[in-house]
Amino acid sequence: MNKMSKIVVFAGFYPKNKKNNEVKNIILAMVNPTRAEEGNEIYNFYEAKKDDGKNISFHLFEVYKDSAALNLHRNTSHYQNYRSKITDLLDRPIEVKVLTSVNSI
């Protein structure tokens, strides 16, 4: 598979006050089923804390073998379920960037 056809996704989540753990657990529940998808190559989950440690944002770094694999992911029951649960817990809409390679290794 040509590296250039891989799809990279960055997703940022900004929980409402006191919703950090709920948001974290919903995303954590996505890790194993997504990694089990045939077209998923990387599904890594990170957090960023502000100085006070209270203001947390969560970030996913995802790599799919091609756009068909990303579409398959978005049609899974675990994806639909997480999207329906997480939206009301966030301060603002999920920030999603879908990237294709210009020059990457």
PDB file of N, CA and C in Angstrom:
ATOM      1  N   MET A   1       0.852  -1.193   0.000  1.00  0.00           N
ATOM      2  CA  MET A   1       0.000   0.000   0.000  1.00  0.00           C
ATOM      3  C   MET A   1       0.886   1.242   0.000  1.00  0.00           C
ATOM      4  N   ASN A   2       0.619   2.121  -0.890  1.00  0.00           N
ATOM      5  CA  ASN A   2       1.379   3.364  -1.021  1.00  0.00           C
ATOM      6  C   ASN A   2       1.148   4.256   0.194  1.00  0.00           C
ATOM      7  N   LYS A   3       2.239   4.733   0.788  1.00  0.00           N
ATOM      8  CA  LYS A   3       2.138   5.625   1.951  1.00  0.00           C
ATOM      9  C   LYS A   3       1.271   6.846   1.660  1.00  0.00           C
ATOM     10  N   MET A   4       1.318   7.313   0.427  1.00  0.00           N
ATOM     11  CA  MET A   4       0.627   8.549   0.088  1.00  0.00           C
ATOM     12  C   MET A   4      -0.893   8.422   0.199  1.00  0.00           C
ATOM     13  N   SER A   5      -1.421   7.191   0.145  1.00  0.00           N
ATOM     14  CA  SER A   5      -2.879   7.054   0.209  1.00  0.00           C
ATOM     15  C   SER A   5      -3.385   6.927   1.649  1.00  0.00           C
ATOM     16  N   LYS A   6      -2.468   6.833   2.597  1.00  0.00           N
ATOM     17  CA  LYS A   6      -2.883   6.743   3.998  1.00  0.00           C
ATOM     18  C   LYS A   6      -3.595   8.029   4.416  1.00  0.00           C
ATOM     19  N   ILE A   7      -4.527   7.868   5.329  1.00  0.00           N
ATOM     20  CA  ILE A   7      -5.280   8.999   5.858  1.00  0.00           C
ATOM     21  C   ILE A   7      -4.919   9.166   7.329  1.00  0.00           C
ATOM     22  N   VAL A   8      -4.553  10.383   7.693  1.00  0.00           N
ATOM     23  CA  VAL A   8      -4.215  10.711   9.083  1.00  0.00           C
ATOM     24  C   VAL A   8      -5.322  11.608   9.629  1.00  0.00           C
ATOM     25  N   VAL A   9      -5.751  11.310  10.846  1.00  0.00           N
ATOM     26  CA  VAL A   9      -6.788  12.111  11.495  1.00  0.00           C
ATOM     27  C   VAL A   9      -6.260  12.620  12.831  1.00  0.00           C
ATOM     28  N   PHE A  10      -6.405  13.916  13.068  1.00  0.00           N
ATOM     29  CA  PHE A  10      -6.193  14.514  14.385  1.00  0.00           C
ATOM     30  C   PHE A  10      -7.567  14.937  14.893  1.00  0.00           C
ATOM     31  N   ALA A  11      -7.934  14.507  16.092  1.00  0.00           N
ATOM     32  CA  ALA A  11      -9.218  14.910  16.666  1.00  0.00           C
ATOM     33  C   ALA A  11      -8.976  15.472  18.062  1.00  0.00           C
ATOM     34  N   GLY A  12      -9.551  16.651  18.332  1.00  0.00           N
ATOM     35  CA  GLY A  12      -9.392  17.308  19.630  1.00  0.00           C
ATOM     36  C   GLY A  12     -10.737  17.420  20.343  1.00  0.00           C
ATOM     37  N   PHE A  13     -10.718  17.103  21.635  1.00  0.00           N
ATOM     38  CA  PHE A  13     -11.919  17.099  22.466  1.00  0.00           C
ATOM     39  C   PHE A  13     -11.703  18.019  23.652  1.00  0.00           C
ATOM     40  N   TYR A  14     -12.653  18.922  23.885  1.00  0.00           N
ATOM     41  CA  TYR A  14     -12.534  19.911  24.957  1.00  0.00           C
ATOM     42  C   TYR A  14     -13.729  19.759  25.890  1.00  0.00           C
ATOM     43  N   PRO A  15     -13.566  18.977  26.975  1.00  0.00           N
ATOM     44  CA  PRO A  15     -14.692  18.667  27.861  1.00  0.00           C
ATOM     45  C   PRO A  15     -15.227  19.888  28.604  1.00  0.00           C
ATOM     46  N   LYS A  16     -16.520  19.841  28.873  1.00  0.00           N
ATOM     47  CA  LYS A  16     -17.134  20.822  29.762  1.00  0.00           C
ATOM     48  C   LYS A  16     -16.558  20.627  31.159  1.00  0.00           C
ATOM     49  N   ASN A  17     -16.734  21.646  31.995  1.00  0.00           N
ATOM     50  CA  ASN A  17     -16.280  21.591  33.375  1.00  0.00           C
ATOM     51  C   ASN A  17     -16.791  20.319  34.062  1.00  0.00           C
ATOM     52  N   LYS A  18     -15.884  19.610  34.721  1.00  0.00           N
ATOM     53  CA  LYS A  18     -16.198  18.400  35.494  1.00  0.00           C
ATOM     54  C   LYS A  18     -16.650  17.218  34.636  1.00  0.00           C
ATOM     55  N   LYS A  19     -16.436  17.267  33.347  1.00  0.00           N
ATOM     56  CA  LYS A  19     -16.810  16.149  32.474  1.00  0.00           C
ATOM     57  C   LYS A  19     -15.585  15.396  31.948  1.00  0.00           C
ATOM     58  N   ASN A  20     -14.390  15.744  32.468  1.00  0.00           N
ATOM     59  CA  ASN A  20     -13.158  15.134  31.954  1.00  0.00           C
ATOM     60  C   ASN A  20     -13.188  13.608  31.993  1.00  0.00           C
ATOM     61  N   ASN A  21     -13.568  13.035  33.144  1.00  0.00           N
ATOM     62  CA  ASN A  21     -13.518  11.574  33.263  1.00  0.00           C
ATOM     63  C   ASN A  21     -14.521  10.891  32.353  1.00  0.00           C
ATOM     64  N   GLU A  22     -15.709  11.468  32.231  1.00  0.00           N
ATOM     65  CA  GLU A  22     -16.703  10.874  31.331  1.00  0.00           C
ATOM     66  C   GLU A  22     -16.204  10.873  29.896  1.00  0.00           C
ATOM     67  N   VAL A  23     -15.645  12.006  29.468  1.00  0.00           N
ATOM     68  CA  VAL A  23     -15.122  12.106  28.104  1.00  0.00           C
ATOM     69  C   VAL A  23     -13.976  11.110  27.909  1.00  0.00           C
ATOM     70  N   LYS A  24     -13.073  11.066  28.872  1.00  0.00           N
ATOM     71  CA  LYS A  24     -11.926  10.153  28.792  1.00  0.00           C
ATOM     72  C   LYS A  24     -12.383   8.704  28.651  1.00  0.00           C
ATOM     73  N   ASN A  25     -13.377   8.307  29.451  1.00  0.00           N
ATOM     74  CA  ASN A  25     -13.838   6.920  29.418  1.00  0.00           C
ATOM     75  C   ASN A  25     -14.544   6.569  28.114  1.00  0.00           C
ATOM     76  N   ILE A  26     -15.287   7.517  27.558  1.00  0.00           N
ATOM     77  CA  ILE A  26     -15.953   7.273  26.270  1.00  0.00           C
ATOM     78  C   ILE A  26     -14.908   7.058  25.176  1.00  0.00           C
ATOM     79  N   ILE A  27     -13.862   7.886  25.180  1.00  0.00           N
ATOM     80  CA  ILE A  27     -12.812   7.726  24.157  1.00  0.00           C
ATOM     81  C   ILE A  27     -12.019   6.445  24.404  1.00  0.00           C
ATOM     82  N   LEU A  28     -11.709   6.151  25.668  1.00  0.00           N
ATOM     83  CA  LEU A  28     -10.973   4.911  25.975  1.00  0.00           C
ATOM     84  C   LEU A  28     -11.720   3.677  25.459  1.00  0.00           C
ATOM     85  N   ALA A  29     -13.048   3.716  25.528  1.00  0.00           N
ATOM     86  CA  ALA A  29     -13.849   2.581  25.057  1.00  0.00           C
ATOM     87  C   ALA A  29     -13.752   2.396  23.545  1.00  0.00           C
ATOM     88  N   MET A  30     -13.258   3.408  22.836  1.00  0.00           N
ATOM     89  CA  MET A  30     -13.085   3.328  21.381  1.00  0.00           C
ATOM     90  C   MET A  30     -11.769   2.673  20.974  1.00  0.00           C
ATOM     91  N   VAL A  31     -10.805   2.638  21.880  1.00  0.00           N
ATOM     92  CA  VAL A  31      -9.445   2.242  21.505  1.00  0.00           C
ATOM     93  C   VAL A  31      -9.383   0.818  20.962  1.00  0.00           C
ATOM     94  N   ASN A  32      -9.800  -0.162  21.749  1.00  0.00           N
ATOM     95  CA  ASN A  32      -9.650  -1.550  21.295  1.00  0.00           C
ATOM     96  C   ASN A  32     -10.484  -1.890  20.070  1.00  0.00           C
ATOM     97  N   PRO A  33     -11.782  -1.506  20.020  1.00  0.00           N
ATOM     98  CA  PRO A  33     -12.533  -1.832  18.803  1.00  0.00           C
ATOM     99  C   PRO A  33     -11.985  -1.152  17.551  1.00  0.00           C
ATOM    100  N   THR A  34     -11.481   0.075  17.703  1.00  0.00           N
ATOM    101  CA  THR A  34     -10.934   0.761  16.530  1.00  0.00           C
ATOM    102  C   THR A  34      -9.628   0.118  16.090  1.00  0.00           C
ATOM    103  N   ARG A  35      -8.767  -0.219  17.041  1.00  0.00           N
ATOM    104  CA  ARG A  35      -7.501  -0.880  16.681  1.00  0.00           C
ATOM    105  C   ARG A  35      -7.731  -2.231  16.029  1.00  0.00           C
ATOM    106  N   ALA A  36      -8.882  -2.835  16.297  1.00  0.00           N
ATOM    107  CA  ALA A  36      -9.208  -4.141  15.704  1.00  0.00           C
ATOM    108  C   ALA A  36      -9.730  -4.015  14.270  1.00  0.00           C
ATOM    109  N   GLU A  37     -10.072  -2.808  13.843  1.00  0.00           N
ATOM    110  CA  GLU A  37     -10.554  -2.620  12.473  1.00  0.00           C
ATOM    111  C   GLU A  37      -9.430  -2.922  11.490  1.00  0.00           C
ATOM    112  N   GLU A  38      -9.770  -3.605  10.421  1.00  0.00           N
ATOM    113  CA  GLU A  38      -8.750  -4.032   9.452  1.00  0.00           C
ATOM    114  C   GLU A  38      -7.950  -2.865   8.888  1.00  0.00           C
ATOM    115  N   GLY A  39      -8.613  -1.733   8.622  1.00  0.00           N
ATOM    116  CA  GLY A  39      -7.933  -0.622   7.966  1.00  0.00           C
ATOM    117  C   GLY A  39      -7.276   0.371   8.900  1.00  0.00           C
ATOM    118  N   ASN A  40      -7.397   0.151  10.217  1.00  0.00           N
ATOM    119  CA  ASN A  40      -6.776   1.073  11.167  1.00  0.00           C
ATOM    120  C   ASN A  40      -5.342   0.656  11.424  1.00  0.00           C
ATOM    121  N   GLU A  41      -4.422   1.615  11.350  1.00  0.00           N
ATOM    122  CA  GLU A  41      -3.011   1.321  11.616  1.00  0.00           C
ATOM    123  C   GLU A  41      -2.549   1.904  12.929  1.00  0.00           C
ATOM    124  N   ILE A  42      -3.046   3.083  13.285  1.00  0.00           N
ATOM    125  CA  ILE A  42      -2.682   3.724  14.561  1.00  0.00           C
ATOM    126  C   ILE A  42      -3.937   4.378  15.126  1.00  0.00           C
ATOM    127  N   TYR A  43      -4.137   4.201  16.427  1.00  0.00           N
ATOM    128  CA  TYR A  43      -5.224   4.895  17.132  1.00  0.00           C
ATOM    129  C   TYR A  43      -4.671   5.209  18.513  1.00  0.00           C
ATOM    130  N   ASN A  44      -4.045   6.370  18.643  1.00  0.00           N
ATOM    131  CA  ASN A  44      -3.369   6.746  19.886  1.00  0.00           C
ATOM    132  C   ASN A  44      -4.115   7.890  20.565  1.00  0.00           C
ATOM    133  N   PHE A  45      -4.225   7.788  21.881  1.00  0.00           N
ATOM    134  CA  PHE A  45      -5.033   8.694  22.689  1.00  0.00           C
ATOM    135  C   PHE A  45      -4.109   9.467  23.629  1.00  0.00           C
ATOM    136  N   TYR A  46      -4.226  10.801  23.627  1.00  0.00           N
ATOM    137  CA  TYR A  46      -3.371  11.678  24.436  1.00  0.00           C
ATOM    138  C   TYR A  46      -4.222  12.679  25.202  1.00  0.00           C
ATOM    139  N   GLU A  47      -3.618  13.270  26.233  1.00  0.00           N
ATOM    140  CA  GLU A  47      -4.269  14.385  26.923  1.00  0.00           C
ATOM    141  C   GLU A  47      -3.273  15.525  27.080  1.00  0.00           C
ATOM    142  N   ALA A  48      -3.826  16.727  27.130  1.00  0.00           N
ATOM    143  CA  ALA A  48      -3.013  17.925  27.360  1.00  0.00           C
ATOM    144  C   ALA A  48      -3.629  18.649  28.543  1.00  0.00           C
ATOM    145  N   LYS A  49      -2.793  18.949  29.546  1.00  0.00           N
ATOM    146  CA  LYS A  49      -3.281  19.642  30.736  1.00  0.00           C
ATOM    147  C   LYS A  49      -2.762  21.060  30.750  1.00  0.00           C
ATOM    148  N   LYS A  50      -3.644  21.984  31.094  1.00  0.00           N
ATOM    149  CA  LYS A  50      -3.219  23.361  31.306  1.00  0.00           C
ATOM    150  C   LYS A  50      -2.497  23.434  32.652  1.00  0.00           C
ATOM    151  N   ASP A  51      -1.927  24.569  32.959  1.00  0.00           N
ATOM    152  CA  ASP A  51      -1.112  24.714  34.166  1.00  0.00           C
ATOM    153  C   ASP A  51      -1.824  24.298  35.445  1.00  0.00           C
ATOM    154  N   ASP A  52      -3.104  24.608  35.538  1.00  0.00           N
ATOM    155  CA  ASP A  52      -3.820  24.292  36.775  1.00  0.00           C
ATOM    156  C   ASP A  52      -4.176  22.804  36.875  1.00  0.00           C
ATOM    157  N   GLY A  53      -3.954  22.049  35.797  1.00  0.00           N
ATOM    158  CA  GLY A  53      -4.244  20.617  35.820  1.00  0.00           C
ATOM    159  C   GLY A  53      -5.718  20.306  35.680  1.00  0.00           C
ATOM    160  N   LYS A  54      -6.561  21.325  35.715  1.00  0.00           N
ATOM    161  CA  LYS A  54      -8.007  21.095  35.646  1.00  0.00           C
ATOM    162  C   LYS A  54      -8.519  21.167  34.218  1.00  0.00           C
ATOM    163  N   ASN A  55      -7.916  22.048  33.451  1.00  0.00           N
ATOM    164  CA  ASN A  55      -8.404  22.283  32.097  1.00  0.00           C
ATOM    165  C   ASN A  55      -7.732  21.293  31.149  1.00  0.00           C
ATOM    166  N   ILE A  56      -8.379  20.163  30.932  1.00  0.00           N
ATOM    167  CA  ILE A  56      -7.779  19.091  30.144  1.00  0.00           C
ATOM    168  C   ILE A  56      -8.419  19.045  28.766  1.00  0.00           C
ATOM    169  N   SER A  57      -7.606  18.783  27.764  1.00  0.00           N
ATOM    170  CA  SER A  57      -8.153  18.449  26.446  1.00  0.00           C
ATOM    171  C   SER A  57      -7.602  17.080  26.063  1.00  0.00           C
ATOM    172  N   PHE A  58      -8.360  16.370  25.264  1.00  0.00           N
ATOM    173  CA  PHE A  58      -7.971  15.040  24.816  1.00  0.00           C
ATOM    174  C   PHE A  58      -7.785  15.067  23.309  1.00  0.00           C
ATOM    175  N   HIS A  59      -6.863  14.227  22.828  1.00  0.00           N
ATOM    176  CA  HIS A  59      -6.516  14.242  21.411  1.00  0.00           C
ATOM    177  C   HIS A  59      -6.292  12.828  20.907  1.00  0.00           C
ATOM    178  N   LEU A  60      -6.827  12.574  19.731  1.00  0.00           N
ATOM    179  CA  LEU A  60      -6.596  11.297  19.061  1.00  0.00           C
ATOM    180  C   LEU A  60      -5.724  11.527  17.841  1.00  0.00           C
ATOM    181  N   PHE A  61      -4.767  10.629  17.670  1.00  0.00           N
ATOM    182  CA  PHE A  61      -3.943  10.578  16.463  1.00  0.00           C
ATOM    183  C   PHE A  61      -4.264   9.241  15.808  1.00  0.00           C
ATOM    184  N   GLU A  62      -4.823   9.296  14.628  1.00  0.00           N
ATOM    185  CA  GLU A  62      -5.302   8.090  13.958  1.00  0.00           C
ATOM    186  C   GLU A  62      -4.692   7.977  12.567  1.00  0.00           C
ATOM    187  N   VAL A  63      -4.372   6.760  12.161  1.00  0.00           N
ATOM    188  CA  VAL A  63      -3.911   6.518  10.790  1.00  0.00           C
ATOM    189  C   VAL A  63      -4.713   5.353  10.224  1.00  0.00           C
ATOM    190  N   TYR A  64      -5.255   5.580   9.028  1.00  0.00           N
ATOM    191  CA  TYR A  64      -6.016   4.554   8.315  1.00  0.00           C
ATOM    192  C   TYR A  64      -5.327   4.272   6.994  1.00  0.00           C
ATOM    193  N   LYS A  65      -5.462   3.030   6.513  1.00  0.00           N
ATOM    194  CA  LYS A  65      -4.714   2.665   5.302  1.00  0.00           C
ATOM    195  C   LYS A  65      -5.190   3.421   4.075  1.00  0.00           C
ATOM    196  N   ASP A  66      -6.461   3.849   4.071  1.00  0.00           N
ATOM    197  CA  ASP A  66      -6.982   4.643   2.951  1.00  0.00           C
ATOM    198  C   ASP A  66      -8.321   5.253   3.362  1.00  0.00           C
ATOM    199  N   SER A  67      -8.924   6.024   2.466  1.00  0.00           N
ATOM    200  CA  SER A  67     -10.173   6.703   2.819  1.00  0.00           C
ATOM    201  C   SER A  67     -11.307   5.710   3.028  1.00  0.00           C
ATOM    202  N   ALA A  68     -11.276   4.573   2.349  1.00  0.00           N
ATOM    203  CA  ALA A  68     -12.312   3.552   2.556  1.00  0.00           C
ATOM    204  C   ALA A  68     -12.267   3.027   3.990  1.00  0.00           C
ATOM    205  N   ALA A  69     -11.061   2.881   4.532  1.00  0.00           N
ATOM    206  CA  ALA A  69     -10.917   2.403   5.909  1.00  0.00           C
ATOM    207  C   ALA A  69     -11.463   3.427   6.901  1.00  0.00           C
ATOM    208  N   LEU A  70     -11.248   4.712   6.618  1.00  0.00           N
ATOM    209  CA  LEU A  70     -11.806   5.759   7.487  1.00  0.00           C
ATOM    210  C   LEU A  70     -13.329   5.755   7.401  1.00  0.00           C
ATOM    211  N   ASN A  71     -13.874   5.596   6.207  1.00  0.00           N
ATOM    212  CA  ASN A  71     -15.329   5.537   6.053  1.00  0.00           C
ATOM    213  C   ASN A  71     -15.914   4.341   6.793  1.00  0.00           C
ATOM    214  N   LEU A  72     -15.238   3.206   6.716  1.00  0.00           N
ATOM    215  CA  LEU A  72     -15.679   2.014   7.442  1.00  0.00           C
ATOM    216  C   LEU A  72     -15.713   2.314   8.946  1.00  0.00           C
ATOM    217  N   HIS A  73     -14.655   2.955   9.450  1.00  0.00           N
ATOM    218  CA  HIS A  73     -14.578   3.322  10.873  1.00  0.00           C
ATOM    219  C   HIS A  73     -15.779   4.179  11.267  1.00  0.00           C
ATOM    220  N   ARG A  74     -16.103   5.154  10.449  1.00  0.00           N
ATOM    221  CA  ARG A  74     -17.180   6.093  10.788  1.00  0.00           C
ATOM    222  C   ARG A  74     -18.561   5.444  10.720  1.00  0.00           C
ATOM    223  N   ASN A  75     -18.652   4.276  10.122  1.00  0.00           N
ATOM    224  CA  ASN A  75     -19.933   3.568  10.043  1.00  0.00           C
ATOM    225  C   ASN A  75     -20.055   2.432  11.050  1.00  0.00           C
ATOM    226  N   THR A  76     -19.057   2.243  11.902  1.00  0.00           N
ATOM    227  CA  THR A  76     -19.142   1.175  12.904  1.00  0.00           C
ATOM    228  C   THR A  76     -20.092   1.575  14.024  1.00  0.00           C
ATOM    229  N   SER A  77     -20.610   0.569  14.718  1.00  0.00           N
ATOM    230  CA  SER A  77     -21.511   0.856  15.842  1.00  0.00           C
ATOM    231  C   SER A  77     -20.750   1.534  16.980  1.00  0.00           C
ATOM    232  N   HIS A  78     -19.481   1.175  17.208  1.00  0.00           N
ATOM    233  CA  HIS A  78     -18.747   1.827  18.311  1.00  0.00           C
ATOM    234  C   HIS A  78     -18.517   3.307  18.016  1.00  0.00           C
ATOM    235  N   TYR A  79     -18.297   3.645  16.749  1.00  0.00           N
ATOM    236  CA  TYR A  79     -18.123   5.057  16.399  1.00  0.00           C
ATOM    237  C   TYR A  79     -19.443   5.818  16.567  1.00  0.00           C
ATOM    238  N   GLN A  80     -20.531   5.272  16.046  1.00  0.00           N
ATOM    239  CA  GLN A  80     -21.835   5.938  16.145  1.00  0.00           C
ATOM    240  C   GLN A  80     -22.223   6.130  17.608  1.00  0.00           C
ATOM    241  N   ASN A  81     -21.952   5.126  18.421  1.00  0.00           N
ATOM    242  CA  ASN A  81     -22.295   5.149  19.842  1.00  0.00           C
ATOM    243  C   ASN A  81     -21.498   6.238  20.570  1.00  0.00           C
ATOM    244  N   TYR A  82     -20.195   6.302  20.297  1.00  0.00           N
ATOM    245  CA  TYR A  82     -19.357   7.302  20.971  1.00  0.00           C
ATOM    246  C   TYR A  82     -19.761   8.710  20.558  1.00  0.00           C
ATOM    247  N   ARG A  83     -20.057   8.916  19.276  1.00  0.00           N
ATOM    248  CA  ARG A  83     -20.457  10.258  18.830  1.00  0.00           C
ATOM    249  C   ARG A  83     -21.759  10.694  19.501  1.00  0.00           C
ATOM    250  N   SER A  84     -22.686   9.769  19.656  1.00  0.00           N
ATOM    251  CA  SER A  84     -23.968  10.132  20.261  1.00  0.00           C
ATOM    252  C   SER A  84     -23.800  10.477  21.740  1.00  0.00           C
ATOM    253  N   LYS A  85     -22.858   9.825  22.419  1.00  0.00           N
ATOM    254  CA  LYS A  85     -22.665  10.061  23.857  1.00  0.00           C
ATOM    255  C   LYS A  85     -21.830  11.294  24.168  1.00  0.00           C
ATOM    256  N   ILE A  86     -20.841  11.576  23.343  1.00  0.00           N
ATOM    257  CA  ILE A  86     -19.798  12.539  23.739  1.00  0.00           C
ATOM    258  C   ILE A  86     -20.184  13.995  23.477  1.00  0.00           C
ATOM    259  N   THR A  87     -21.030  14.232  22.498  1.00  0.00           N
ATOM    260  CA  THR A  87     -21.291  15.606  22.045  1.00  0.00           C
ATOM    261  C   THR A  87     -21.740  16.533  23.169  1.00  0.00           C
ATOM    262  N   ASP A  88     -22.664  16.076  23.993  1.00  0.00           N
ATOM    263  CA  ASP A  88     -23.207  16.928  25.060  1.00  0.00           C
ATOM    264  C   ASP A  88     -22.218  17.178  26.194  1.00  0.00           C
ATOM    265  N   LEU A  89     -21.132  16.438  26.233  1.00  0.00           N
ATOM    266  CA  LEU A  89     -20.143  16.579  27.313  1.00  0.00           C
ATOM    267  C   LEU A  89     -19.034  17.559  26.951  1.00  0.00           C
ATOM    268  N   LEU A  90     -19.081  18.075  25.719  1.00  0.00           N
ATOM    269  CA  LEU A  90     -17.987  18.921  25.232  1.00  0.00           C
ATOM    270  C   LEU A  90     -18.384  20.390  25.223  1.00  0.00           C
ATOM    271  N   ASP A  91     -17.367  21.218  25.450  1.00  0.00           N
ATOM    272  CA  ASP A  91     -17.501  22.675  25.442  1.00  0.00           C
ATOM    273  C   ASP A  91     -17.737  23.226  24.042  1.00  0.00           C
ATOM    274  N   ARG A  92     -17.191  22.519  23.057  1.00  0.00           N
ATOM    275  CA  ARG A  92     -17.335  22.939  21.663  1.00  0.00           C
ATOM    276  C   ARG A  92     -17.255  21.702  20.778  1.00  0.00           C
ATOM    277  N   PRO A  93     -17.632  21.832  19.520  1.00  0.00           N
ATOM    278  CA  PRO A  93     -17.615  20.647  18.643  1.00  0.00           C
ATOM    279  C   PRO A  93     -16.218  20.020  18.566  1.00  0.00           C
ATOM    280  N   ILE A  94     -16.195  18.711  18.331  1.00  0.00           N
ATOM    281  CA  ILE A  94     -14.923  18.010  18.167  1.00  0.00           C
ATOM    282  C   ILE A  94     -14.175  18.662  17.004  1.00  0.00           C
ATOM    283  N   GLU A  95     -12.894  18.958  17.235  1.00  0.00           N
ATOM    284  CA  GLU A  95     -12.060  19.531  16.170  1.00  0.00           C
ATOM    285  C   GLU A  95     -11.397  18.379  15.424  1.00  0.00           C
ATOM    286  N   VAL A  96     -11.835  18.155  14.208  1.00  0.00           N
ATOM    287  CA  VAL A  96     -11.302  17.038  13.422  1.00  0.00           C
ATOM    288  C   VAL A  96     -10.564  17.576  12.213  1.00  0.00           C
ATOM    289  N   LYS A  97      -9.342  17.103  12.033  1.00  0.00           N
ATOM    290  CA  LYS A  97      -8.575  17.419  10.833  1.00  0.00           C
ATOM    291  C   LYS A  97      -8.250  16.097  10.145  1.00  0.00           C
ATOM    292  N   VAL A  98      -8.648  15.977   8.895  1.00  0.00           N
ATOM    293  CA  VAL A  98      -8.325  14.796   8.101  1.00  0.00           C
ATOM    294  C   VAL A  98      -7.219  15.197   7.135  1.00  0.00           C
ATOM    295  N   LEU A  99      -6.076  14.548   7.256  1.00  0.00           N
ATOM    296  CA  LEU A  99      -4.885  14.947   6.514  1.00  0.00           C
ATOM    297  C   LEU A  99      -4.462  13.877   5.519  1.00  0.00           C
ATOM    298  N   THR A 100      -3.962  14.320   4.386  1.00  0.00           N
ATOM    299  CA  THR A 100      -3.303  13.414   3.464  1.00  0.00           C
ATOM    300  C   THR A 100      -1.849  13.876   3.326  1.00  0.00           C
ATOM    301  N   SER A 101      -0.998  12.952   3.046  1.00  0.00           N
ATOM    302  CA  SER A 101       0.432  13.233   3.058  1.00  0.00           C
ATOM    303  C   SER A 101       0.879  14.126   1.899  1.00  0.00           C
ATOM    304  N   VAL A 102       1.728  15.071   2.224  1.00  0.00           N
ATOM    305  CA  VAL A 102       2.472  15.818   1.225  1.00  0.00           C
ATOM    306  C   VAL A 102       3.869  15.207   1.147  1.00  0.00           C
ATOM    307  N   ASN A 103       4.487  15.046   2.319  1.00  0.00           N
ATOM    308  CA  ASN A 103       5.804  14.419   2.410  1.00  0.00           C
ATOM    309  C   ASN A 103       5.917  13.880   3.826  1.00  0.00           C
ATOM    310  N   SER A 104       5.777  12.580   3.988  1.00  0.00           N
ATOM    311  CA  SER A 104       5.826  11.988   5.333  1.00  0.00           C
ATOM    312  C   SER A 104       6.512  10.631   5.253  1.00  0.00           C
ATOM    313  N   ILE A 105       6.916  10.117   6.420  1.00  0.00           N
ATOM    314  CA  ILE A 105       7.578   8.811   6.439  1.00  0.00           C
ATOM    315  C   ILE A 105       6.772   7.845   7.294  1.00  0.00           C
TER     316      ILE A 105
END
